[in-house]
Structures are given as C-alpha cells and as structure tokens.
Amino acid sequence: MTTVARPAPALGRGFVAIEGPIGVGKTSLARRLADVFGAEPLLEMPEENPFLPRFYENRKHFALSTQLFFLFQRRQMLDDVRQAHLFSRGVISDFLWAKDRVFARINLSDDEWRLYEQVAGTVETDLPAPELVIFLQAPVEVLFDRIRRRGRGYERIDRDYLAAVAAAYTDFFHGYQESPLLIVNAAEANFVESDEDLRFLVDYLDNVRNGRHFFNPLPSGFAG
C-alpha cells in the first residue's frame, strides 16, 4: 500500500466518526484517514469483548452482556481520548456512540431493552459530539463476502442478521441530524488499497460543512 500522493490537508474538525454495518470497512477507512490527516485513530476493540464469540453462537442468551460490555468499553475509550486532550489535534473514530442503541434495539428483548436504557442513561452524559459523521453503505452480499474474507473466527454471522443490522443503520441515519453527515456508497470503492479512491474522498470532505451529503466514488473493487 502506498500513501496518498498529495500533501496531507488540515482536518479542520476535532472529531470525525465513521459508521456503517458490520464488514463495510469502517476501521480500515478510519486508519487511512487518520494517517492522511495526522489525526489520532480511535478504534473499537471487539476482540476484547469476552461475550462476543458466545453472542454469535447464541444471540438471545448473550445479547445483554455483550451489549453492556461494549457500552462501557466505548465510554472508557472516549474518556481516555478526552483526558489525553487528543480532540484538539483531531480524532477519527470507527464508531459513533449512538450505534450502541442500534444494536441493542435489534438484539435485546423488551425487558432487557428497558434495563439497558436505564444503564445507558447513567453513562452517556457529557459525550463529545462528532463534527462530521461518515456513513458507509454496501449491499448485504458485499458485506457478507467481506466478513468471510477477513476470516475472524468468532464472526459467525448469518445473512438475515446482517440484513437486519444494515436495515437498522439505514433507518437510523434516515433521520439523523445531530452532526453533518456524509453518506458514502462503499460497495465498490477500495479505500484500503486504492490511493485514487481515498484521494477522491479526501477531496470531497472539503465540501462537507453542514447538512447531508452523498458521495458515490468510481468503482475500483474492494480488498479487505
């Protein structure tokens, strides 16, 4: 992989969050944009969740424990970044805090959801708001293929669940107004290996200031 052949622009934002369904390429893009902009990457660590492998084996039984672990993990990560004063130099995250509720609503029973809401309400005060959210979209079959190719043993995800996650994300961002939003068609873009695809996106970011924007890059395939 080569670097983007242009001077790294100023990020111009203290906090950018990248979101989208499982397998869409959030973490890979966060790493590359952080490198381009000289920002700090803030990346989820699903491998640290001891309940996640069991969740994929029995979603109903392990949904609440899995969800609560992620809730506290993300809160701690945001607190650590704030205490290190990294927002002043720029942070690019591969998650948005609100995504926790997206997954919780899909996976929890009504009783578990009410308990989750009580717990979440105690830990979500004084959260940093992203100054830009990038929402990556791709068809379910594309997501499924990417998950299969990255080969994480614990990710035994069926298509129906993946489709439910993708639909929940689409519904959530349909009404999202908390931050400027850039919706990216990531079905065929290769932000991991293609400097050209990444450059097109970086250039487009200069035009995103307020409201909702859409970016449909030229296809170059996807590798990873």
C-alpha atoms as a PDB file:
ATOM      1  CA  MET A   1       0.000   0.000   0.000  1.00  0.00           C
ATOM      2  CA  THR A   2       1.292   3.443  -0.871  1.00  0.00           C
ATOM      3  CA  THR A   3       0.450   6.749   0.698  1.00  0.00           C
ATOM      4  CA  VAL A   4      -1.809   9.345  -0.835  1.00  0.00           C
ATOM      5  CA  ALA A   5       0.294  11.390  -3.238  1.00  0.00           C
ATOM      6  CA  ARG A   6      -0.692  14.825  -2.003  1.00  0.00           C
ATOM      7  CA  PRO A   7       0.132  16.989   0.986  1.00  0.00           C
ATOM      8  CA  ALA A   8      -1.996  15.983   3.959  1.00  0.00           C
ATOM      9  CA  PRO A   9      -4.730  18.622   4.393  1.00  0.00           C
ATOM     10  CA  ALA A  10      -5.776  20.029   7.712  1.00  0.00           C
ATOM     11  CA  LEU A  11      -8.640  18.040   9.151  1.00  0.00           C
ATOM     12  CA  GLY A  12     -10.497  21.145  10.227  1.00  0.00           C
ATOM     13  CA  ARG A  13     -12.562  19.094  12.666  1.00  0.00           C
ATOM     14  CA  GLY A  14     -11.768  17.820  16.116  1.00  0.00           C
ATOM     15  CA  PHE A  15     -13.807  14.620  15.917  1.00  0.00           C
ATOM     16  CA  VAL A  16     -14.910  12.551  12.915  1.00  0.00           C
ATOM     17  CA  ALA A  17     -16.887   9.314  13.357  1.00  0.00           C
ATOM     18  CA  ILE A  18     -17.189   6.635  10.680  1.00  0.00           C
ATOM     19  CA  GLU A  19     -20.162   4.298  10.856  1.00  0.00           C
ATOM     20  CA  GLY A  20     -21.914   1.534   8.971  1.00  0.00           C
ATOM     21  CA  PRO A  21     -22.890  -2.120   9.234  1.00  0.00           C
ATOM     22  CA  ILE A  22     -20.513  -4.975  10.015  1.00  0.00           C
ATOM     23  CA  GLY A  23     -17.970  -5.546   7.245  1.00  0.00           C
ATOM     24  CA  VAL A  24     -18.435  -2.246   5.433  1.00  0.00           C
ATOM     25  CA  GLY A  25     -14.852  -1.055   6.066  1.00  0.00           C
ATOM     26  CA  LYS A  26     -15.137   1.424   8.951  1.00  0.00           C
ATOM     27  CA  THR A  27     -11.882   0.541  10.687  1.00  0.00           C
ATOM     28  CA  SER A  28      -9.801   0.406   7.523  1.00  0.00           C
ATOM     29  CA  LEU A  29     -11.040   3.820   6.414  1.00  0.00           C
ATOM     30  CA  ALA A  30     -10.540   5.317   9.885  1.00  0.00           C
ATOM     31  CA  ARG A  31      -6.921   4.187   9.868  1.00  0.00           C
ATOM     32  CA  ARG A  32      -6.248   5.602   6.418  1.00  0.00           C
ATOM     33  CA  LEU A  33      -7.935   8.958   7.079  1.00  0.00           C
ATOM     34  CA  ALA A  34      -6.131   9.302  10.395  1.00  0.00           C
ATOM     35  CA  ASP A  35      -2.859   8.775   8.549  1.00  0.00           C
ATOM     36  CA  VAL A  36      -3.731  11.317   5.849  1.00  0.00           C
ATOM     37  CA  PHE A  37      -4.849  13.990   8.298  1.00  0.00           C
ATOM     38  CA  GLY A  38      -2.327  13.287  11.040  1.00  0.00           C
ATOM     39  CA  ALA A  39      -5.196  12.567  13.427  1.00  0.00           C
ATOM     40  CA  GLU A  40      -5.488  10.030  16.221  1.00  0.00           C
ATOM     41  CA  PRO A  41      -7.392   6.852  15.269  1.00  0.00           C
ATOM     42  CA  LEU A  42      -9.950   5.731  17.853  1.00  0.00           C
ATOM     43  CA  LEU A  43     -10.791   2.132  17.016  1.00  0.00           C
ATOM     44  CA  GLU A  44     -13.193  -0.354  18.543  1.00  0.00           C
ATOM     45  CA  MET A  45     -11.665  -3.481  20.023  1.00  0.00           C
ATOM     46  CA  PRO A  46     -14.294  -6.212  19.595  1.00  0.00           C
ATOM     47  CA  GLU A  47     -11.718  -8.895  20.339  1.00  0.00           C
ATOM     48  CA  GLU A  48     -11.604  -7.648  23.943  1.00  0.00           C
ATOM     49  CA  ASN A  49     -15.288  -8.412  24.496  1.00  0.00           C
ATOM     50  CA  PRO A  50     -15.321 -11.873  26.141  1.00  0.00           C
ATOM     51  CA  PHE A  51     -19.032 -12.297  25.414  1.00  0.00           C
ATOM     52  CA  LEU A  52     -18.878 -11.667  21.652  1.00  0.00           C
ATOM     53  CA  PRO A  53     -17.922 -15.181  20.467  1.00  0.00           C
ATOM     54  CA  ARG A  54     -20.694 -16.623  22.631  1.00  0.00           C
ATOM     55  CA  PHE A  55     -23.108 -13.989  21.303  1.00  0.00           C
ATOM     56  CA  TYR A  56     -22.616 -15.221  17.751  1.00  0.00           C
ATOM     57  CA  GLU A  57     -23.316 -18.755  18.953  1.00  0.00           C
ATOM     58  CA  ASN A  58     -26.421 -17.787  20.947  1.00  0.00           C
ATOM     59  CA  ARG A  59     -27.525 -14.209  20.339  1.00  0.00           C
ATOM     60  CA  LYS A  60     -30.596 -14.372  22.562  1.00  0.00           C
ATOM     61  CA  HIS A  61     -28.734 -15.611  25.637  1.00  0.00           C
ATOM     62  CA  PHE A  62     -25.639 -13.372  25.427  1.00  0.00           C
ATOM     63  CA  ALA A  63     -27.082 -10.193  23.870  1.00  0.00           C
ATOM     64  CA  LEU A  64     -27.341  -8.134  27.062  1.00  0.00           C
ATOM     65  CA  SER A  65     -23.898  -8.979  28.438  1.00  0.00           C
ATOM     66  CA  THR A  66     -22.313  -8.340  25.045  1.00  0.00           C
ATOM     67  CA  GLN A  67     -24.111  -5.021  24.693  1.00  0.00           C
ATOM     68  CA  LEU A  68     -23.241  -3.763  28.174  1.00  0.00           C
ATOM     69  CA  PHE A  69     -19.571  -4.628  27.733  1.00  0.00           C
ATOM     70  CA  PHE A  70     -19.451  -2.584  24.529  1.00  0.00           C
ATOM     71  CA  LEU A  71     -21.336   0.277  26.183  1.00  0.00           C
ATOM     72  CA  PHE A  72     -18.780   0.640  28.978  1.00  0.00           C
ATOM     73  CA  GLN A  73     -15.840  -0.019  26.671  1.00  0.00           C
ATOM     74  CA  ARG A  74     -16.817   2.795  24.287  1.00  0.00           C
ATOM     75  CA  ARG A  75     -17.436   5.181  27.183  1.00  0.00           C
ATOM     76  CA  GLN A  76     -13.977   4.460  28.585  1.00  0.00           C
ATOM     77  CA  MET A  77     -12.347   4.942  25.183  1.00  0.00           C
ATOM     78  CA  LEU A  78     -13.956   8.341  24.711  1.00  0.00           C
ATOM     79  CA  ASP A  79     -12.974   9.381  28.231  1.00  0.00           C
ATOM     80  CA  ASP A  80      -9.357   8.316  27.651  1.00  0.00           C
ATOM     81  CA  VAL A  81      -9.160  10.375  24.459  1.00  0.00           C
ATOM     82  CA  ARG A  82     -10.669  13.399  26.170  1.00  0.00           C
ATOM     83  CA  GLN A  83      -8.283  13.155  29.132  1.00  0.00           C
ATOM     84  CA  ALA A  84      -5.329  12.934  26.752  1.00  0.00           C
ATOM     85  CA  HIS A  85      -6.569  16.131  25.019  1.00  0.00           C
ATOM     86  CA  LEU A  86      -6.448  14.392  21.637  1.00  0.00           C
ATOM     87  CA  PHE A  87      -9.630  16.005  20.315  1.00  0.00           C
ATOM     88  CA  SER A  88      -7.685  19.250  19.919  1.00  0.00           C
ATOM     89  CA  ARG A  89      -5.418  17.640  17.330  1.00  0.00           C
ATOM     90  CA  GLY A  90      -8.107  15.553  15.658  1.00  0.00           C
ATOM     91  CA  VAL A  91      -9.636  12.133  16.263  1.00  0.00           C
ATOM     92  CA  ILE A  92     -11.103   9.775  13.673  1.00  0.00           C
ATOM     93  CA  SER A  93     -13.209   7.024  15.190  1.00  0.00           C
ATOM     94  CA  ASP A  94     -14.642   3.864  13.663  1.00  0.00           C
ATOM     95  CA  PHE A  95     -17.768   4.143  15.796  1.00  0.00           C
ATOM     96  CA  LEU A  96     -20.499   6.568  16.733  1.00  0.00           C
ATOM     97  CA  TRP A  97     -21.828   6.407  20.280  1.00  0.00           C
ATOM     98  CA  ALA A  98     -25.406   6.151  19.061  1.00  0.00           C
ATOM     99  CA  LYS A  99     -24.605   2.876  17.260  1.00  0.00           C
ATOM    100  CA  ASP A 100     -24.865   1.105  20.595  1.00  0.00           C
ATOM    101  CA  ARG A 101     -28.617   1.647  20.650  1.00  0.00           C
ATOM    102  CA  VAL A 102     -28.911   0.485  17.042  1.00  0.00           C
ATOM    103  CA  PHE A 103     -27.545  -2.917  18.005  1.00  0.00           C
ATOM    104  CA  ALA A 104     -29.304  -3.003  21.361  1.00  0.00           C
ATOM    105  CA  ARG A 105     -32.724  -2.483  19.808  1.00  0.00           C
ATOM    106  CA  ILE A 106     -32.122  -5.353  17.368  1.00  0.00           C
ATOM    107  CA  ASN A 107     -30.733  -7.837  19.865  1.00  0.00           C
ATOM    108  CA  LEU A 108     -32.409  -7.238  23.227  1.00  0.00           C
ATOM    109  CA  SER A 109     -35.781  -8.416  24.467  1.00  0.00           C
ATOM    110  CA  ASP A 110     -38.189  -5.756  25.708  1.00  0.00           C
ATOM    111  CA  ASP A 111     -37.234  -6.342  29.357  1.00  0.00           C
ATOM    112  CA  GLU A 112     -33.530  -6.279  28.523  1.00  0.00           C
ATOM    113  CA  TRP A 113     -34.030  -3.121  26.474  1.00  0.00           C
ATOM    114  CA  ARG A 114     -35.612  -1.319  29.413  1.00  0.00           C
ATOM    115  CA  LEU A 115     -32.716  -2.342  31.649  1.00  0.00           C
ATOM    116  CA  TYR A 116     -30.205  -1.327  29.010  1.00  0.00           C
ATOM    117  CA  GLU A 117     -31.850   2.095  28.678  1.00  0.00           C
ATOM    118  CA  GLN A 118     -31.531   2.672  32.418  1.00  0.00           C
ATOM    119  CA  VAL A 119     -27.851   1.742  32.395  1.00  0.00           C
ATOM    120  CA  ALA A 120     -27.073   3.683  29.219  1.00  0.00           C
ATOM    121  CA  GLY A 121     -28.702   6.789  30.645  1.00  0.00           C
ATOM    122  CA  THR A 122     -26.218   6.826  33.521  1.00  0.00           C
ATOM    123  CA  VAL A 123     -23.091   6.660  31.319  1.00  0.00           C
ATOM    124  CA  GLU A 124     -23.883   8.787  28.280  1.00  0.00           C
ATOM    125  CA  THR A 125     -23.682  12.233  29.871  1.00  0.00           C
ATOM    126  CA  ASP A 126     -21.158  14.780  28.596  1.00  0.00           C
ATOM    127  CA  LEU A 127     -20.245  12.835  25.474  1.00  0.00           C
ATOM    128  CA  PRO A 128     -18.193  14.538  22.741  1.00  0.00           C
ATOM    129  CA  ALA A 129     -20.263  15.174  19.621  1.00  0.00           C
ATOM    130  CA  PRO A 130     -18.623  14.419  16.261  1.00  0.00           C
ATOM    131  CA  GLU A 131     -18.221  17.346  13.923  1.00  0.00           C
ATOM    132  CA  LEU A 132     -18.710  15.011  10.968  1.00  0.00           C
ATOM    133  CA  VAL A 133     -20.202  11.533  10.608  1.00  0.00           C
ATOM    134  CA  ILE A 134     -19.333   9.373   7.596  1.00  0.00           C
ATOM    135  CA  PHE A 135     -21.900   6.620   6.973  1.00  0.00           C
ATOM    136  CA  LEU A 136     -20.622   3.790   4.749  1.00  0.00           C
ATOM    137  CA  GLN A 137     -23.209   1.711   2.882  1.00  0.00           C
ATOM    138  CA  ALA A 138     -22.963  -1.527   0.877  1.00  0.00           C
ATOM    139  CA  PRO A 139     -25.358  -4.338  -0.102  1.00  0.00           C
ATOM    140  CA  VAL A 140     -25.697  -7.269   2.272  1.00  0.00           C
ATOM    141  CA  GLU A 141     -23.994  -9.721  -0.094  1.00  0.00           C
ATOM    142  CA  VAL A 142     -20.979  -7.403  -0.321  1.00  0.00           C
ATOM    143  CA  LEU A 143     -20.842  -7.139   3.471  1.00  0.00           C
ATOM    144  CA  PHE A 144     -21.169 -10.894   3.861  1.00  0.00           C
ATOM    145  CA  ASP A 145     -18.313 -11.516   1.434  1.00  0.00           C
ATOM    146  CA  ARG A 146     -16.032  -9.037   3.186  1.00  0.00           C
ATOM    147  CA  ILE A 147     -16.733 -10.600   6.577  1.00  0.00           C
ATOM    148  CA  ARG A 148     -15.964 -14.028   5.159  1.00  0.00           C
ATOM    149  CA  ARG A 149     -12.706 -12.847   3.594  1.00  0.00           C
ATOM    150  CA  ARG A 150     -11.358 -11.183   6.718  1.00  0.00           C
ATOM    151  CA  GLY A 151     -11.677 -14.528   8.455  1.00  0.00           C
ATOM    152  CA  ARG A 152     -12.391 -13.668  12.080  1.00  0.00           C
ATOM    153  CA  GLY A 153     -13.272 -16.986  13.659  1.00  0.00           C
ATOM    154  CA  TYR A 154     -15.858 -15.572  16.064  1.00  0.00           C
ATOM    155  CA  GLU A 155     -17.827 -13.719  13.358  1.00  0.00           C
ATOM    156  CA  ARG A 156     -20.318 -16.463  12.529  1.00  0.00           C
ATOM    157  CA  ILE A 157     -22.877 -14.072  11.102  1.00  0.00           C
ATOM    158  CA  ASP A 158     -25.866 -15.207   9.065  1.00  0.00           C
ATOM    159  CA  ARG A 159     -27.305 -13.168   6.238  1.00  0.00           C
ATOM    160  CA  ASP A 160     -30.620 -12.492   7.996  1.00  0.00           C
ATOM    161  CA  TYR A 161     -28.885 -10.903  10.976  1.00  0.00           C
ATOM    162  CA  LEU A 162     -26.587  -8.910   8.713  1.00  0.00           C
ATOM    163  CA  ALA A 163     -29.582  -7.699   6.720  1.00  0.00           C
ATOM    164  CA  ALA A 164     -31.298  -6.620   9.945  1.00  0.00           C
ATOM    165  CA  VAL A 165     -28.215  -4.670  11.029  1.00  0.00           C
ATOM    166  CA  ALA A 166     -27.892  -2.964   7.632  1.00  0.00           C
ATOM    167  CA  ALA A 167     -31.587  -2.027   7.636  1.00  0.00           C
ATOM    168  CA  ALA A 168     -31.358  -0.652  11.187  1.00  0.00           C
ATOM    169  CA  TYR A 169     -28.435   1.543  10.197  1.00  0.00           C
ATOM    170  CA  THR A 170     -30.311   2.860   7.171  1.00  0.00           C
ATOM    171  CA  ASP A 171     -33.357   3.673   9.307  1.00  0.00           C
ATOM    172  CA  PHE A 172     -31.211   5.381  11.937  1.00  0.00           C
ATOM    173  CA  PHE A 173     -29.374   7.628   9.519  1.00  0.00           C
ATOM    174  CA  HIS A 174     -32.527   8.429   7.561  1.00  0.00           C
ATOM    175  CA  GLY A 175     -33.479  10.788  10.365  1.00  0.00           C
ATOM    176  CA  TYR A 176     -30.042  11.631  11.719  1.00  0.00           C
ATOM    177  CA  GLN A 177     -29.490  15.379  12.245  1.00  0.00           C
ATOM    178  CA  GLU A 178     -27.050  15.571  15.158  1.00  0.00           C
ATOM    179  CA  SER A 179     -23.947  16.284  13.024  1.00  0.00           C
ATOM    180  CA  PRO A 180     -23.085  16.945   9.382  1.00  0.00           C
ATOM    181  CA  LEU A 181     -23.497  13.622   7.597  1.00  0.00           C
ATOM    182  CA  LEU A 182     -21.701  12.207   4.571  1.00  0.00           C
ATOM    183  CA  ILE A 183     -23.304   9.061   3.139  1.00  0.00           C
ATOM    184  CA  VAL A 184     -20.805   7.051   1.089  1.00  0.00           C
ATOM    185  CA  ASN A 185     -21.563   4.242  -1.336  1.00  0.00           C
ATOM    186  CA  ALA A 186     -18.777   1.873  -0.312  1.00  0.00           C
ATOM    187  CA  ALA A 187     -19.949  -1.100  -2.373  1.00  0.00           C
ATOM    188  CA  GLU A 188     -17.157  -0.925  -4.941  1.00  0.00           C
ATOM    189  CA  ALA A 189     -14.774   1.689  -3.580  1.00  0.00           C
ATOM    190  CA  ASN A 190     -11.410   0.419  -2.353  1.00  0.00           C
ATOM    191  CA  PHE A 191     -10.312   2.875   0.303  1.00  0.00           C
ATOM    192  CA  VAL A 192      -7.884   0.287   1.679  1.00  0.00           C
ATOM    193  CA  GLU A 193      -5.611  -0.192  -1.320  1.00  0.00           C
ATOM    194  CA  SER A 194      -6.603   2.474  -3.827  1.00  0.00           C
ATOM    195  CA  ASP A 195      -4.946   5.830  -3.256  1.00  0.00           C
ATOM    196  CA  GLU A 196      -7.151   7.255  -6.005  1.00  0.00           C
ATOM    197  CA  ASP A 197     -10.369   6.234  -4.265  1.00  0.00           C
ATOM    198  CA  LEU A 198      -9.099   7.639  -0.988  1.00  0.00           C
ATOM    199  CA  ARG A 199      -7.982  10.880  -2.636  1.00  0.00           C
ATOM    200  CA  PHE A 200     -11.426  11.407  -4.176  1.00  0.00           C
ATOM    201  CA  LEU A 201     -12.994  11.021  -0.742  1.00  0.00           C
ATOM    202  CA  VAL A 202     -10.476  13.302   0.974  1.00  0.00           C
ATOM    203  CA  ASP A 203     -11.059  15.989  -1.656  1.00  0.00           C
ATOM    204  CA  TYR A 204     -14.820  15.659  -1.253  1.00  0.00           C
ATOM    205  CA  LEU A 205     -14.560  16.128   2.507  1.00  0.00           C
ATOM    206  CA  ASP A 206     -13.509  19.727   1.869  1.00  0.00           C
ATOM    207  CA  ASN A 207     -17.043  20.385   0.576  1.00  0.00           C
ATOM    208  CA  VAL A 208     -18.860  18.947   3.582  1.00  0.00           C
ATOM    209  CA  ARG A 209     -19.719  21.640   6.093  1.00  0.00           C
ATOM    210  CA  ASN A 210     -23.345  21.278   7.145  1.00  0.00           C
ATOM    211  CA  GLY A 211     -26.345  19.113   6.418  1.00  0.00           C
ATOM    212  CA  ARG A 212     -26.462  15.846   4.492  1.00  0.00           C
ATOM    213  CA  HIS A 213     -24.193  14.925   1.604  1.00  0.00           C
ATOM    214  CA  PHE A 214     -23.840  11.901  -0.684  1.00  0.00           C
ATOM    215  CA  PHE A 215     -20.638  10.532  -2.204  1.00  0.00           C
ATOM    216  CA  ASN A 216     -20.615   7.847  -4.894  1.00  0.00           C
ATOM    217  CA  PRO A 217     -16.995   7.102  -5.860  1.00  0.00           C
ATOM    218  CA  LEU A 218     -15.914   5.443  -9.074  1.00  0.00           C
ATOM    219  CA  PRO A 219     -15.574   1.675  -8.616  1.00  0.00           C
ATOM    220  CA  SER A 220     -12.156   0.086  -8.276  1.00  0.00           C
ATOM    221  CA  GLY A 221     -13.052  -3.052  -6.306  1.00  0.00           C
ATOM    222  CA  PHE A 222     -12.529  -3.768  -2.656  1.00  0.00           C
ATOM    223  CA  ALA A 223      -9.793  -5.768  -0.989  1.00  0.00           C
ATOM    224  CA  GLY A 224     -10.396  -6.318   2.703  1.00  0.00           C
END
